[in-house]
Amino acid sequence: MNVELLRSIANANAANSVVYVSPADGMELYKAGFITVDSTKVDPNDATKVAANVTEAGVNQLSALNGAAAAHTKPVHTYDVQTGGLELPKIKRGFGKGGGGGAPTKYPFETMEVGAWFFVANSEVAKGNAHKTMGSAVVSANQRFAVGTGEQETVERVKRGPDHKAIKGADGKNVKETVTQEKKKFTKKFVVRAVEAGKTYGTFTAPSDGAVIQREA
């Protein structure tokens, strides 16, 4: 099974982008129920390829594979989910989400109620930036709990090339494109904020630099 293709489709969906697949490449994933395809959206550069979307089963499969890989390299970490008392710090504008690749769903998104939250220290993530890492995990979680409404909406997004990287214009800025896509409703919605060691946010004092993740809806 082409796990890397499945991961690419999941990451692209989380970024509101598109991966086009051919029958030869995508049939095994499709038969396994890990992706769906939209034959109305054809690759402008290859008419044999159509848009693919990851299913909940596909996300769970990636989570299981990521979790199995992580189990061989580091012990499982659990997070102390709390309710109430936290005041989220204001968003710092200009801070990129970044992250890429998606984080394993070792985080307790599935069990959190509205208002519940947990803390992740910078020291607990591979590159020492919990805000960036958890930003990717939150995007994936929000996408996982999104359902189609059957309605269409027109949105502006960054245009990406075949390698899924943002296309730059002559001025060095990201090229934008306008697309029509199915409108989604979030059955659960999470947010992430960076916190600083020793600072108090409501009744919570950050024990170290890191990030807090809260379910807001």
N, C-alpha and C. Protein backbone atom coordinates (compact mmCIF):
# COMPACT_ATOMS: atom_id res chain seq x y z
N MET A 1 0.84 -1.20 0.00
CA MET A 1 0.00 0.00 0.00
C MET A 1 0.88 1.25 0.00
N ASN A 2 0.50 2.24 -0.80
CA ASN A 2 1.31 3.46 -0.93
C ASN A 2 1.00 4.41 0.22
N VAL A 3 1.71 4.21 1.35
CA VAL A 3 1.47 5.02 2.54
C VAL A 3 1.88 6.47 2.31
N GLU A 4 2.97 6.67 1.57
CA GLU A 4 3.43 8.04 1.32
C GLU A 4 2.41 8.84 0.52
N LEU A 5 1.74 8.19 -0.42
CA LEU A 5 0.69 8.87 -1.19
C LEU A 5 -0.48 9.22 -0.27
N LEU A 6 -0.86 8.27 0.60
CA LEU A 6 -1.94 8.53 1.55
C LEU A 6 -1.58 9.70 2.46
N ARG A 7 -0.35 9.73 2.93
CA ARG A 7 0.09 10.83 3.80
C ARG A 7 0.07 12.16 3.04
N SER A 8 0.49 12.15 1.77
CA SER A 8 0.48 13.38 0.96
C SER A 8 -0.94 13.90 0.76
N ILE A 9 -1.89 12.99 0.54
CA ILE A 9 -3.28 13.39 0.36
C ILE A 9 -3.83 14.00 1.64
N ALA A 10 -3.53 13.36 2.79
CA ALA A 10 -4.00 13.87 4.08
C ALA A 10 -3.43 15.25 4.38
N ASN A 11 -2.14 15.43 4.13
CA ASN A 11 -1.51 16.73 4.38
C ASN A 11 -2.06 17.81 3.46
N ALA A 12 -2.31 17.44 2.21
CA ALA A 12 -2.86 18.41 1.26
C ALA A 12 -4.27 18.82 1.66
N ASN A 13 -5.09 17.85 2.06
CA ASN A 13 -6.46 18.16 2.49
C ASN A 13 -6.44 19.09 3.70
N ALA A 14 -5.53 18.84 4.63
CA ALA A 14 -5.44 19.68 5.82
C ALA A 14 -5.08 21.11 5.47
N ALA A 15 -4.35 21.29 4.36
CA ALA A 15 -3.95 22.62 3.91
C ALA A 15 -4.89 23.18 2.85
N ASN A 16 -6.07 22.53 2.70
CA ASN A 16 -7.05 22.94 1.68
C ASN A 16 -6.45 22.93 0.28
N SER A 17 -5.57 21.97 0.04
CA SER A 17 -4.96 21.80 -1.27
C SER A 17 -5.45 20.49 -1.88
N VAL A 18 -4.94 20.16 -3.06
CA VAL A 18 -5.45 19.00 -3.80
C VAL A 18 -4.29 18.13 -4.26
N VAL A 19 -4.46 16.82 -4.13
CA VAL A 19 -3.56 15.85 -4.75
C VAL A 19 -4.37 15.07 -5.78
N TYR A 20 -3.85 14.99 -6.99
CA TYR A 20 -4.50 14.23 -8.05
C TYR A 20 -3.85 12.85 -8.14
N VAL A 21 -4.66 11.82 -8.29
CA VAL A 21 -4.14 10.45 -8.36
C VAL A 21 -4.67 9.74 -9.60
N SER A 22 -3.86 8.84 -10.10
CA SER A 22 -4.27 8.00 -11.23
C SER A 22 -4.91 6.73 -10.69
N PRO A 23 -5.69 6.02 -11.50
CA PRO A 23 -6.28 4.75 -11.05
C PRO A 23 -5.22 3.76 -10.58
N ALA A 24 -4.08 3.73 -11.27
CA ALA A 24 -3.02 2.78 -10.91
C ALA A 24 -2.46 3.08 -9.52
N ASP A 25 -2.27 4.36 -9.22
CA ASP A 25 -1.68 4.74 -7.94
C ASP A 25 -2.68 4.69 -6.80
N GLY A 26 -3.93 5.06 -7.08
CA GLY A 26 -4.89 5.24 -6.00
C GLY A 26 -5.86 4.10 -5.76
N MET A 27 -5.91 3.12 -6.66
CA MET A 27 -6.95 2.09 -6.55
C MET A 27 -6.87 1.31 -5.25
N GLU A 28 -5.66 0.95 -4.81
CA GLU A 28 -5.53 0.15 -3.59
C GLU A 28 -6.03 0.93 -2.37
N LEU A 29 -5.68 2.23 -2.30
CA LEU A 29 -6.15 3.08 -1.21
C LEU A 29 -7.66 3.26 -1.27
N TYR A 30 -8.18 3.39 -2.48
CA TYR A 30 -9.62 3.57 -2.67
C TYR A 30 -10.39 2.32 -2.23
N LYS A 31 -9.91 1.13 -2.64
CA LYS A 31 -10.59 -0.11 -2.28
C LYS A 31 -10.54 -0.37 -0.77
N ALA A 32 -9.47 0.12 -0.14
CA ALA A 32 -9.32 -0.05 1.31
C ALA A 32 -10.20 0.93 2.10
N GLY A 33 -10.79 1.90 1.39
CA GLY A 33 -11.65 2.87 2.06
C GLY A 33 -10.87 4.01 2.68
N PHE A 34 -9.58 4.17 2.30
CA PHE A 34 -8.75 5.20 2.90
C PHE A 34 -8.85 6.53 2.16
N ILE A 35 -9.33 6.52 0.92
CA ILE A 35 -9.53 7.76 0.17
C ILE A 35 -10.83 7.68 -0.63
N THR A 36 -11.35 8.84 -0.98
CA THR A 36 -12.40 8.94 -1.98
C THR A 36 -11.85 9.77 -3.13
N VAL A 37 -12.46 9.68 -4.29
CA VAL A 37 -12.00 10.47 -5.43
C VAL A 37 -13.16 11.28 -5.99
N ASP A 38 -12.84 12.42 -6.55
CA ASP A 38 -13.83 13.30 -7.15
C ASP A 38 -13.53 13.41 -8.64
N SER A 39 -14.26 12.64 -9.45
CA SER A 39 -14.00 12.58 -10.89
C SER A 39 -14.35 13.87 -11.61
N THR A 40 -15.01 14.80 -10.91
CA THR A 40 -15.33 16.09 -11.54
C THR A 40 -14.13 17.05 -11.49
N LYS A 41 -13.13 16.69 -10.68
CA LYS A 41 -11.93 17.52 -10.57
C LYS A 41 -10.75 16.77 -11.17
N VAL A 42 -10.37 17.18 -12.39
CA VAL A 42 -9.34 16.49 -13.15
C VAL A 42 -8.05 17.31 -13.15
N ASP A 43 -6.92 16.62 -13.04
CA ASP A 43 -5.62 17.28 -13.10
C ASP A 43 -5.49 18.02 -14.43
N PRO A 44 -5.28 19.34 -14.39
CA PRO A 44 -5.16 20.09 -15.65
C PRO A 44 -3.98 19.67 -16.51
N ASN A 45 -3.01 18.96 -15.89
CA ASN A 45 -1.83 18.53 -16.64
C ASN A 45 -1.87 17.06 -17.02
N ASP A 46 -2.85 16.30 -16.50
CA ASP A 46 -2.93 14.87 -16.80
C ASP A 46 -4.38 14.43 -16.61
N ALA A 47 -5.08 14.23 -17.71
CA ALA A 47 -6.52 13.92 -17.67
C ALA A 47 -6.82 12.56 -17.04
N THR A 48 -5.78 11.74 -16.81
CA THR A 48 -6.03 10.43 -16.19
C THR A 48 -6.10 10.52 -14.66
N LYS A 49 -5.76 11.67 -14.12
CA LYS A 49 -5.71 11.83 -12.67
C LYS A 49 -6.87 12.69 -12.17
N VAL A 50 -7.44 12.31 -11.02
CA VAL A 50 -8.55 13.07 -10.42
C VAL A 50 -8.21 13.38 -8.97
N ALA A 51 -8.94 14.35 -8.40
CA ALA A 51 -8.69 14.79 -7.03
C ALA A 51 -9.02 13.69 -6.03
N ALA A 52 -8.21 13.57 -5.00
CA ALA A 52 -8.42 12.56 -3.96
C ALA A 52 -8.58 13.23 -2.61
N ASN A 53 -9.39 12.62 -1.76
CA ASN A 53 -9.61 13.12 -0.40
C ASN A 53 -9.45 11.98 0.59
N VAL A 54 -8.75 12.25 1.69
CA VAL A 54 -8.57 11.22 2.71
C VAL A 54 -9.87 11.02 3.49
N THR A 55 -10.16 9.79 3.87
CA THR A 55 -11.33 9.49 4.69
C THR A 55 -10.91 9.38 6.15
N GLU A 56 -11.91 9.28 7.02
CA GLU A 56 -11.60 9.11 8.44
C GLU A 56 -10.81 7.82 8.66
N ALA A 57 -11.15 6.78 7.90
CA ALA A 57 -10.41 5.52 8.00
C ALA A 57 -8.96 5.70 7.58
N GLY A 58 -8.74 6.55 6.57
CA GLY A 58 -7.37 6.82 6.12
C GLY A 58 -6.58 7.57 7.17
N VAL A 59 -7.22 8.55 7.82
CA VAL A 59 -6.55 9.30 8.89
C VAL A 59 -6.21 8.36 10.04
N ASN A 60 -7.14 7.48 10.39
CA ASN A 60 -6.89 6.53 11.48
C ASN A 60 -5.75 5.57 11.13
N GLN A 61 -5.67 5.19 9.86
CA GLN A 61 -4.59 4.31 9.42
C GLN A 61 -3.24 4.99 9.57
N LEU A 62 -3.15 6.25 9.17
CA LEU A 62 -1.90 7.00 9.31
C LEU A 62 -1.54 7.17 10.78
N SER A 63 -2.56 7.44 11.60
CA SER A 63 -2.32 7.60 13.04
C SER A 63 -1.75 6.32 13.63
N ALA A 64 -2.32 5.20 13.22
CA ALA A 64 -1.85 3.91 13.73
C ALA A 64 -0.41 3.64 13.30
N LEU A 65 -0.09 3.96 12.04
CA LEU A 65 1.27 3.74 11.55
C LEU A 65 2.25 4.67 12.24
N ASN A 66 1.86 5.93 12.42
CA ASN A 66 2.73 6.89 13.10
C ASN A 66 2.94 6.49 14.55
N GLY A 67 1.85 6.04 15.18
CA GLY A 67 1.95 5.63 16.57
C GLY A 67 2.85 4.42 16.74
N ALA A 68 2.76 3.47 15.81
CA ALA A 68 3.60 2.28 15.88
C ALA A 68 5.07 2.63 15.71
N ALA A 69 5.34 3.58 14.80
CA ALA A 69 6.73 4.00 14.59
C ALA A 69 7.27 4.72 15.81
N ALA A 70 6.43 5.57 16.40
CA ALA A 70 6.87 6.33 17.57
C ALA A 70 7.13 5.43 18.76
N ALA A 71 6.38 4.34 18.86
CA ALA A 71 6.51 3.44 20.00
C ALA A 71 7.89 2.79 20.06
N HIS A 72 8.57 2.72 18.92
CA HIS A 72 9.89 2.10 18.88
C HIS A 72 11.00 3.09 19.21
N THR A 73 10.68 4.37 19.27
CA THR A 73 11.72 5.38 19.46
C THR A 73 11.60 6.14 20.77
N LYS A 74 10.41 6.22 21.35
CA LYS A 74 10.26 6.99 22.59
C LYS A 74 9.04 6.49 23.35
N PRO A 75 9.03 6.66 24.67
CA PRO A 75 7.89 6.22 25.46
C PRO A 75 6.65 7.05 25.18
N VAL A 76 5.48 6.47 25.40
CA VAL A 76 4.23 7.18 25.19
C VAL A 76 4.07 8.26 26.26
N HIS A 77 3.72 9.45 25.84
CA HIS A 77 3.50 10.55 26.77
C HIS A 77 2.00 10.82 26.86
N THR A 78 1.52 10.99 28.06
CA THR A 78 0.11 11.33 28.24
C THR A 78 -0.01 12.78 28.66
N TYR A 79 -1.15 13.39 28.35
CA TYR A 79 -1.36 14.82 28.62
C TYR A 79 -2.49 15.00 29.61
N ASP A 80 -2.29 15.92 30.52
CA ASP A 80 -3.24 16.20 31.58
C ASP A 80 -4.31 17.15 31.06
N VAL A 81 -5.46 16.60 30.65
CA VAL A 81 -6.55 17.42 30.13
C VAL A 81 -7.31 18.03 31.31
N GLN A 82 -7.51 19.35 31.26
CA GLN A 82 -8.18 20.06 32.33
C GLN A 82 -9.38 20.83 31.76
N THR A 83 -10.26 21.25 32.63
CA THR A 83 -11.44 22.00 32.23
C THR A 83 -11.50 23.30 33.00
N GLY A 84 -11.65 24.42 32.26
CA GLY A 84 -11.82 25.72 32.90
C GLY A 84 -10.53 26.29 33.45
N GLY A 85 -10.58 27.57 33.79
CA GLY A 85 -9.46 28.23 34.43
C GLY A 85 -8.45 28.86 33.50
N LEU A 86 -8.40 28.41 32.25
CA LEU A 86 -7.41 28.91 31.33
C LEU A 86 -7.92 30.13 30.58
N GLU A 87 -7.09 31.16 30.45
CA GLU A 87 -7.37 32.30 29.57
C GLU A 87 -6.36 32.24 28.45
N LEU A 88 -6.84 31.99 27.24
CA LEU A 88 -5.94 31.86 26.10
C LEU A 88 -5.21 33.17 25.84
N PRO A 89 -3.88 33.13 25.62
CA PRO A 89 -3.17 34.36 25.24
C PRO A 89 -3.62 34.81 23.85
N LYS A 90 -3.46 36.07 23.57
CA LYS A 90 -3.87 36.61 22.27
C LYS A 90 -2.97 36.05 21.19
N ILE A 91 -3.54 35.96 19.98
CA ILE A 91 -2.78 35.47 18.83
C ILE A 91 -1.68 36.46 18.49
N LYS A 92 -0.47 35.94 18.26
CA LYS A 92 0.63 36.78 17.80
C LYS A 92 0.62 36.76 16.28
N ARG A 93 0.22 37.84 15.67
CA ARG A 93 0.10 37.93 14.22
C ARG A 93 1.45 37.73 13.55
N GLY A 94 1.40 37.08 12.38
CA GLY A 94 2.62 36.91 11.60
C GLY A 94 3.37 35.63 11.94
N PHE A 95 2.92 34.87 12.93
CA PHE A 95 3.58 33.62 13.28
C PHE A 95 3.05 32.53 12.38
N GLY A 96 3.90 31.94 11.56
CA GLY A 96 3.46 30.93 10.60
C GLY A 96 3.07 29.65 11.29
N LYS A 97 2.10 28.95 10.72
CA LYS A 97 1.69 27.67 11.27
C LYS A 97 2.77 26.62 11.05
N GLY A 98 3.25 26.53 9.79
CA GLY A 98 4.32 25.60 9.50
C GLY A 98 4.01 24.18 9.93
N GLY A 99 5.06 23.49 10.31
CA GLY A 99 4.88 22.15 10.86
C GLY A 99 4.98 21.08 9.79
N GLY A 100 4.04 21.10 8.83
CA GLY A 100 4.08 20.13 7.76
C GLY A 100 4.04 18.70 8.26
N GLY A 101 3.68 17.81 7.40
CA GLY A 101 3.80 16.40 7.72
C GLY A 101 2.77 15.86 8.67
N GLY A 102 2.17 16.73 9.49
CA GLY A 102 1.16 16.25 10.44
C GLY A 102 1.78 15.53 11.61
N ALA A 103 1.19 15.66 12.80
CA ALA A 103 1.70 14.98 13.99
C ALA A 103 0.85 13.76 14.29
N PRO A 104 1.43 12.74 14.89
CA PRO A 104 0.63 11.57 15.25
C PRO A 104 -0.48 11.95 16.22
N THR A 105 -1.61 11.28 16.13
CA THR A 105 -2.72 11.61 17.00
C THR A 105 -2.57 10.93 18.35
N LYS A 106 -1.41 11.17 19.02
CA LYS A 106 -1.21 10.71 20.38
C LYS A 106 -1.85 11.69 21.35
N TYR A 107 -2.32 12.81 20.82
CA TYR A 107 -2.93 13.85 21.65
C TYR A 107 -4.42 13.54 21.87
N PRO A 108 -4.99 13.98 22.99
CA PRO A 108 -6.34 13.53 23.40
C PRO A 108 -7.49 14.31 22.78
N PHE A 109 -7.40 14.62 21.48
CA PHE A 109 -8.46 15.40 20.85
C PHE A 109 -9.84 14.70 20.93
N GLU A 110 -9.85 13.38 20.73
CA GLU A 110 -11.12 12.65 20.65
C GLU A 110 -11.93 12.72 21.95
N THR A 111 -11.23 12.81 23.09
CA THR A 111 -11.93 12.73 24.38
C THR A 111 -12.21 14.08 25.01
N MET A 112 -11.77 15.16 24.39
CA MET A 112 -11.89 16.49 25.00
C MET A 112 -13.29 17.07 24.82
N GLU A 113 -13.83 17.64 25.90
CA GLU A 113 -15.10 18.35 25.85
C GLU A 113 -14.83 19.82 25.54
N VAL A 114 -15.87 20.56 25.20
CA VAL A 114 -15.73 22.00 24.94
C VAL A 114 -15.18 22.68 26.19
N GLY A 115 -14.13 23.49 26.01
CA GLY A 115 -13.51 24.19 27.13
C GLY A 115 -12.33 23.44 27.72
N ALA A 116 -12.18 22.15 27.40
CA ALA A 116 -11.06 21.37 27.93
C ALA A 116 -9.77 21.78 27.21
N TRP A 117 -8.63 21.63 27.89
CA TRP A 117 -7.36 22.06 27.31
C TRP A 117 -6.22 21.24 27.90
N PHE A 118 -5.07 21.29 27.23
CA PHE A 118 -3.87 20.64 27.76
C PHE A 118 -2.64 21.43 27.32
N PHE A 119 -1.54 21.18 28.02
CA PHE A 119 -0.29 21.91 27.80
C PHE A 119 0.75 20.98 27.22
N VAL A 120 1.54 21.49 26.25
CA VAL A 120 2.66 20.75 25.67
C VAL A 120 3.90 21.64 25.78
N ALA A 121 4.94 21.14 26.43
CA ALA A 121 6.18 21.90 26.59
C ALA A 121 7.03 21.82 25.33
N ASN A 122 7.82 22.86 25.08
CA ASN A 122 8.73 22.83 23.93
C ASN A 122 9.68 21.64 24.01
N SER A 123 10.04 21.25 25.22
CA SER A 123 10.98 20.15 25.40
C SER A 123 10.40 18.80 25.02
N GLU A 124 9.07 18.73 24.81
CA GLU A 124 8.42 17.46 24.50
C GLU A 124 8.31 17.19 23.01
N VAL A 125 8.66 18.16 22.19
CA VAL A 125 8.53 17.98 20.74
C VAL A 125 9.90 17.97 20.09
N ALA A 126 9.99 17.33 18.92
CA ALA A 126 11.27 17.05 18.29
C ALA A 126 12.11 18.30 18.00
N LYS A 127 11.48 19.35 17.50
CA LYS A 127 12.24 20.52 17.09
C LYS A 127 12.17 21.65 18.11
N GLY A 128 11.62 21.38 19.29
CA GLY A 128 11.64 22.37 20.35
C GLY A 128 10.70 23.54 20.18
N ASN A 129 9.69 23.39 19.33
CA ASN A 129 8.72 24.47 19.12
C ASN A 129 7.32 23.87 19.17
N ALA A 130 6.75 23.83 20.38
CA ALA A 130 5.44 23.20 20.56
C ALA A 130 4.35 23.93 19.79
N HIS A 131 4.43 25.26 19.71
CA HIS A 131 3.40 26.02 19.00
C HIS A 131 3.34 25.60 17.54
N LYS A 132 4.50 25.46 16.92
CA LYS A 132 4.55 25.09 15.51
C LYS A 132 4.09 23.64 15.30
N THR A 133 4.60 22.75 16.14
CA THR A 133 4.23 21.33 16.02
C THR A 133 2.74 21.12 16.28
N MET A 134 2.23 21.74 17.35
CA MET A 134 0.83 21.56 17.68
C MET A 134 -0.09 22.31 16.72
N GLY A 135 0.43 23.36 16.07
CA GLY A 135 -0.36 24.02 15.03
C GLY A 135 -0.72 23.05 13.93
N SER A 136 0.26 22.21 13.54
CA SER A 136 0.01 21.20 12.52
C SER A 136 -0.97 20.14 13.03
N ALA A 137 -0.78 19.72 14.30
CA ALA A 137 -1.68 18.71 14.87
C ALA A 137 -3.11 19.22 14.97
N VAL A 138 -3.28 20.50 15.33
CA VAL A 138 -4.61 21.09 15.46
C VAL A 138 -5.30 21.20 14.10
N VAL A 139 -4.54 21.59 13.07
CA VAL A 139 -5.10 21.67 11.72
C VAL A 139 -5.62 20.29 11.30
N SER A 140 -4.82 19.26 11.56
CA SER A 140 -5.22 17.90 11.20
C SER A 140 -6.45 17.45 11.98
N ALA A 141 -6.48 17.80 13.29
CA ALA A 141 -7.63 17.41 14.12
C ALA A 141 -8.90 18.11 13.65
N ASN A 142 -8.81 19.41 13.38
CA ASN A 142 -9.98 20.15 12.90
C ASN A 142 -10.49 19.57 11.60
N GLN A 143 -9.56 19.20 10.71
CA GLN A 143 -9.95 18.61 9.43
C GLN A 143 -10.61 17.26 9.63
N ARG A 144 -10.11 16.50 10.61
CA ARG A 144 -10.65 15.18 10.88
C ARG A 144 -12.09 15.23 11.36
N PHE A 145 -12.43 16.30 12.08
CA PHE A 145 -13.77 16.44 12.62
C PHE A 145 -14.66 17.35 11.76
N ALA A 146 -14.24 17.61 10.53
CA ALA A 146 -15.03 18.42 9.61
C ALA A 146 -15.89 17.53 8.74
N VAL A 147 -17.10 17.93 8.47
CA VAL A 147 -18.00 17.16 7.59
C VAL A 147 -18.53 18.09 6.50
N GLY A 148 -18.76 17.52 5.33
CA GLY A 148 -19.28 18.30 4.22
C GLY A 148 -20.74 18.69 4.44
N THR A 149 -21.09 19.89 4.01
CA THR A 149 -22.46 20.38 4.17
C THR A 149 -23.29 20.21 2.90
N GLY A 150 -22.63 19.88 1.80
CA GLY A 150 -23.34 19.78 0.53
C GLY A 150 -23.43 21.11 -0.20
N GLU A 151 -23.02 22.19 0.49
CA GLU A 151 -23.02 23.51 -0.12
C GLU A 151 -21.65 23.82 -0.70
N GLN A 152 -21.62 24.69 -1.69
CA GLN A 152 -20.37 25.09 -2.32
C GLN A 152 -20.00 26.51 -1.86
N GLU A 153 -18.71 26.76 -1.76
CA GLU A 153 -18.24 28.09 -1.42
C GLU A 153 -17.00 28.42 -2.25
N THR A 154 -16.81 29.70 -2.51
CA THR A 154 -15.65 30.17 -3.26
C THR A 154 -14.65 30.76 -2.29
N VAL A 155 -13.41 30.25 -2.34
CA VAL A 155 -12.38 30.71 -1.41
C VAL A 155 -11.11 31.05 -2.19
N GLU A 156 -10.31 31.91 -1.58
CA GLU A 156 -9.01 32.23 -2.15
C GLU A 156 -7.94 31.50 -1.35
N ARG A 157 -7.01 30.87 -2.04
CA ARG A 157 -5.96 30.13 -1.35
C ARG A 157 -4.65 30.26 -2.11
N VAL A 158 -3.58 29.82 -1.46
CA VAL A 158 -2.27 29.84 -2.09
C VAL A 158 -2.21 28.77 -3.18
N LYS A 159 -1.72 29.13 -4.34
CA LYS A 159 -1.61 28.19 -5.45
C LYS A 159 -0.36 27.34 -5.25
N ARG A 160 -0.49 26.01 -5.46
CA ARG A 160 0.63 25.11 -5.25
C ARG A 160 0.95 24.32 -6.51
N GLY A 161 2.22 23.98 -6.64
CA GLY A 161 2.67 23.23 -7.80
C GLY A 161 2.52 21.74 -7.60
N PRO A 162 2.98 20.92 -8.55
CA PRO A 162 2.88 19.45 -8.44
C PRO A 162 3.56 18.90 -7.18
N ASP A 163 4.56 19.63 -6.66
CA ASP A 163 5.25 19.18 -5.45
C ASP A 163 4.57 19.68 -4.19
N HIS A 164 3.40 20.36 -4.37
CA HIS A 164 2.58 20.88 -3.28
C HIS A 164 3.20 22.08 -2.56
N LYS A 165 4.28 22.61 -3.11
CA LYS A 165 4.89 23.81 -2.53
C LYS A 165 4.23 25.06 -3.12
N ALA A 166 4.18 26.13 -2.32
CA ALA A 166 3.55 27.37 -2.77
C ALA A 166 4.30 27.93 -3.97
N ILE A 167 3.55 28.38 -4.98
CA ILE A 167 4.14 29.00 -6.17
C ILE A 167 4.37 30.48 -5.89
N LYS A 168 5.57 30.94 -6.17
CA LYS A 168 5.92 32.33 -5.94
C LYS A 168 5.80 33.14 -7.24
N GLY A 169 5.34 34.39 -7.10
CA GLY A 169 5.27 35.29 -8.24
C GLY A 169 6.59 36.01 -8.44
N ALA A 170 6.64 36.87 -9.44
CA ALA A 170 7.87 37.62 -9.73
C ALA A 170 8.25 38.53 -8.56
N ASP A 171 7.26 38.93 -7.76
CA ASP A 171 7.54 39.79 -6.61
C ASP A 171 7.94 39.00 -5.36
N GLY A 172 8.04 37.69 -5.50
CA GLY A 172 8.45 36.86 -4.37
C GLY A 172 7.33 36.47 -3.44
N LYS A 173 6.13 36.95 -3.71
CA LYS A 173 4.99 36.64 -2.85
C LYS A 173 4.24 35.41 -3.37
N ASN A 174 3.51 34.75 -2.49
CA ASN A 174 2.73 33.58 -2.88
C ASN A 174 1.65 33.96 -3.90
N VAL A 175 1.52 33.15 -4.94
CA VAL A 175 0.47 33.36 -5.93
C VAL A 175 -0.84 32.80 -5.36
N LYS A 176 -1.91 33.55 -5.49
CA LYS A 176 -3.22 33.13 -4.98
C LYS A 176 -4.11 32.65 -6.13
N GLU A 177 -5.04 31.76 -5.81
CA GLU A 177 -6.02 31.31 -6.78
C GLU A 177 -7.38 31.23 -6.11
N THR A 178 -8.43 31.38 -6.89
CA THR A 178 -9.80 31.30 -6.39
C THR A 178 -10.40 29.99 -6.84
N VAL A 179 -10.91 29.21 -5.89
CA VAL A 179 -11.48 27.89 -6.21
C VAL A 179 -12.85 27.74 -5.56
N THR A 180 -13.64 26.86 -6.13
CA THR A 180 -14.94 26.52 -5.56
C THR A 180 -14.83 25.14 -4.94
N GLN A 181 -15.24 25.00 -3.69
CA GLN A 181 -15.13 23.73 -3.00
C GLN A 181 -16.32 23.52 -2.07
N GLU A 182 -16.47 22.31 -1.58
CA GLU A 182 -17.58 22.03 -0.68
C GLU A 182 -17.35 22.72 0.67
N LYS A 183 -18.37 23.37 1.16
CA LYS A 183 -18.28 24.02 2.47
C LYS A 183 -18.33 22.96 3.55
N LYS A 184 -17.49 23.14 4.58
CA LYS A 184 -17.43 22.16 5.65
C LYS A 184 -17.89 22.75 6.98
N LYS A 185 -18.41 21.88 7.83
CA LYS A 185 -18.83 22.27 9.18
C LYS A 185 -17.98 21.49 10.17
N PHE A 186 -17.45 22.20 11.15
CA PHE A 186 -16.60 21.56 12.14
C PHE A 186 -17.44 21.03 13.30
N THR A 187 -17.40 19.73 13.50
CA THR A 187 -18.12 19.15 14.64
C THR A 187 -17.35 19.33 15.93
N LYS A 188 -16.04 19.53 15.79
CA LYS A 188 -15.18 19.91 16.91
C LYS A 188 -14.17 20.93 16.39
N LYS A 189 -13.82 21.90 17.23
CA LYS A 189 -12.87 22.93 16.78
C LYS A 189 -11.85 23.20 17.89
N PHE A 190 -10.57 23.11 17.52
CA PHE A 190 -9.49 23.31 18.47
C PHE A 190 -8.64 24.52 18.08
N VAL A 191 -8.04 25.16 19.08
CA VAL A 191 -7.13 26.28 18.84
C VAL A 191 -5.85 26.03 19.63
N VAL A 192 -4.76 26.65 19.19
CA VAL A 192 -3.47 26.51 19.87
C VAL A 192 -2.87 27.90 20.09
N ARG A 193 -2.24 28.12 21.23
CA ARG A 193 -1.57 29.38 21.54
C ARG A 193 -0.23 29.08 22.21
N ALA A 194 0.76 29.90 21.89
CA ALA A 194 2.06 29.79 22.55
C ALA A 194 1.97 30.42 23.94
N VAL A 195 2.66 29.82 24.92
CA VAL A 195 2.71 30.37 26.27
C VAL A 195 4.17 30.44 26.71
N GLU A 196 4.45 31.34 27.66
CA GLU A 196 5.82 31.55 28.12
C GLU A 196 5.98 31.10 29.56
N ALA A 197 7.13 30.55 29.86
CA ALA A 197 7.42 30.03 31.19
C ALA A 197 7.21 31.09 32.26
N GLY A 198 6.48 30.73 33.32
CA GLY A 198 6.29 31.62 34.46
C GLY A 198 5.14 32.59 34.32
N LYS A 199 4.58 32.73 33.12
CA LYS A 199 3.47 33.65 32.92
C LYS A 199 2.16 32.96 33.29
N THR A 200 1.22 33.75 33.82
CA THR A 200 -0.06 33.21 34.26
C THR A 200 -1.15 33.53 33.25
N TYR A 201 -1.94 32.54 32.90
CA TYR A 201 -3.04 32.67 31.96
C TYR A 201 -4.30 32.16 32.67
N GLY A 202 -5.07 33.09 33.26
CA GLY A 202 -6.20 32.69 34.08
C GLY A 202 -5.68 32.06 35.36
N THR A 203 -6.04 30.80 35.62
CA THR A 203 -5.54 30.11 36.80
C THR A 203 -4.35 29.21 36.47
N PHE A 204 -3.91 29.22 35.21
CA PHE A 204 -2.81 28.36 34.78
C PHE A 204 -1.53 29.18 34.66
N THR A 205 -0.46 28.70 35.29
CA THR A 205 0.86 29.29 35.14
C THR A 205 1.73 28.31 34.37
N ALA A 206 2.25 28.76 33.24
CA ALA A 206 3.03 27.87 32.37
C ALA A 206 4.31 27.43 33.08
N PRO A 207 4.54 26.12 33.22
CA PRO A 207 5.75 25.64 33.89
C PRO A 207 7.01 25.81 33.04
N SER A 208 6.80 25.98 31.75
CA SER A 208 7.92 26.18 30.82
C SER A 208 7.36 26.77 29.54
N ASP A 209 8.25 27.17 28.62
CA ASP A 209 7.78 27.63 27.32
C ASP A 209 7.12 26.47 26.58
N GLY A 210 6.03 26.76 25.90
CA GLY A 210 5.33 25.70 25.18
C GLY A 210 4.07 26.20 24.53
N ALA A 211 3.03 25.39 24.54
CA ALA A 211 1.76 25.76 23.90
C ALA A 211 0.61 25.12 24.66
N VAL A 212 -0.55 25.79 24.62
CA VAL A 212 -1.78 25.22 25.16
C VAL A 212 -2.74 24.99 24.01
N ILE A 213 -3.46 23.90 24.08
CA ILE A 213 -4.43 23.53 23.05
C ILE A 213 -5.79 23.41 23.75
N GLN A 214 -6.79 24.09 23.21
CA GLN A 214 -8.10 24.09 23.83
C GLN A 214 -9.18 23.78 22.79
N ARG A 215 -10.19 23.02 23.22
CA ARG A 215 -11.35 22.81 22.37
C ARG A 215 -12.31 23.97 22.61
N GLU A 216 -12.59 24.73 21.55
CA GLU A 216 -13.45 25.90 21.71
C GLU A 216 -14.87 25.68 21.19
N ALA A 217 -15.11 24.59 20.46
CA ALA A 217 -16.46 24.30 19.95
C ALA A 217 -16.61 22.80 19.73
